[in-house]
Amino acid sequence: MGDKVTDTKVVELSDEDKALLATAKDGKIEYKGKKFAVADVVSSMEYLTNARAQLQTEVQQLKDAAGKAPVKDTP
């Protein structure tokens, strides 16, 4: 019997990620000559997607803060 899924999360995958997952055979994905478990690949994709979203949020916060910072005149 397979692993029971206890927590799920919807993650939008890029077209490149979807194409990679479409190549899966027997629960494995081959990438650059190496085989990886689909579950590991999906977990990594989820982590990277979440990290990318967090970085985008932080960059926007920095941009917002920079726009509010006082501007010093330089001679």
Protein backbone atom coordinates (compact mmCIF):
# COMPACT_ATOMS: atom_id res chain seq x y z
CA MET A 1 0.00 0.00 0.00
CA GLY A 2 1.26 3.49 -0.83
CA ASP A 3 1.96 6.39 1.46
CA LYS A 4 -1.10 8.14 2.83
CA VAL A 5 -1.32 11.80 1.92
CA THR A 6 -2.14 13.83 5.02
CA ASP A 7 -1.42 17.34 3.79
CA THR A 8 -1.91 18.76 0.33
CA LYS A 9 -1.16 22.10 -1.22
CA VAL A 10 -1.84 23.44 -4.69
CA VAL A 11 1.28 24.71 -6.40
CA GLU A 12 1.38 26.27 -9.86
CA LEU A 13 4.11 24.66 -11.90
CA SER A 14 5.89 26.25 -14.81
CA ASP A 15 5.51 24.73 -18.26
CA GLU A 16 9.09 23.45 -17.94
CA ASP A 17 8.25 21.71 -14.64
CA LYS A 18 5.11 20.17 -16.15
CA ALA A 19 7.10 18.89 -19.13
CA LEU A 20 9.65 17.32 -16.79
CA LEU A 21 6.94 15.59 -14.74
CA ALA A 22 5.34 14.29 -17.95
CA THR A 23 8.49 12.25 -18.60
CA ALA A 24 8.01 10.20 -15.40
CA LYS A 25 8.18 6.43 -15.78
CA ASP A 26 7.84 3.89 -12.97
CA GLY A 27 7.82 6.65 -10.34
CA LYS A 28 11.14 8.04 -11.55
CA ILE A 29 12.17 11.07 -13.57
CA GLU A 30 15.36 11.07 -15.57
CA TYR A 31 17.20 14.38 -15.73
CA LYS A 32 20.68 14.86 -17.15
CA GLY A 33 21.28 11.12 -17.08
CA LYS A 34 20.27 10.62 -13.43
CA LYS A 35 17.02 9.16 -12.09
CA PHE A 36 15.07 10.83 -9.30
CA ALA A 37 11.94 9.78 -7.41
CA VAL A 38 8.89 11.78 -8.55
CA ALA A 39 7.97 12.57 -4.93
CA ASP A 40 11.41 14.10 -4.34
CA VAL A 41 11.19 16.17 -7.51
CA VAL A 42 7.71 17.46 -6.67
CA SER A 43 8.81 18.29 -3.13
CA SER A 44 11.78 20.25 -4.48
CA MET A 45 9.57 22.07 -7.00
CA GLU A 46 7.16 23.02 -4.22
CA TYR A 47 10.00 24.28 -2.03
CA LEU A 48 11.48 26.35 -4.85
CA THR A 49 8.09 27.76 -5.84
CA ASN A 50 7.43 28.84 -2.26
CA ALA A 51 10.93 30.29 -1.90
CA ARG A 52 10.52 32.23 -5.15
CA ALA A 53 7.21 33.68 -3.94
CA GLN A 54 8.76 34.66 -0.61
CA LEU A 55 11.69 36.37 -2.34
CA GLN A 56 9.33 38.27 -4.64
CA THR A 57 7.40 39.50 -1.60
CA GLU A 58 10.59 40.59 0.15
CA VAL A 59 11.88 42.36 -2.97
CA GLN A 60 8.60 44.26 -3.28
CA GLN A 61 8.78 45.26 0.39
CA LEU A 62 12.32 46.55 -0.14
CA LYS A 63 11.24 48.48 -3.23
CA ASP A 64 8.33 49.99 -1.31
CA ALA A 65 10.62 50.96 1.58
CA ALA A 66 13.18 52.44 -0.82
CA GLY A 67 10.49 54.58 -2.41
CA LYS A 68 9.57 56.02 1.00
CA ALA A 69 13.16 56.69 2.11
CA PRO A 70 14.28 60.30 2.18
CA VAL A 71 16.41 61.25 -0.81
CA LYS A 72 19.68 63.05 -0.08
CA ASP A 73 20.97 65.57 -2.57
CA THR A 74 24.47 64.78 -3.73
CA PRO A 75 26.72 67.55 -5.01
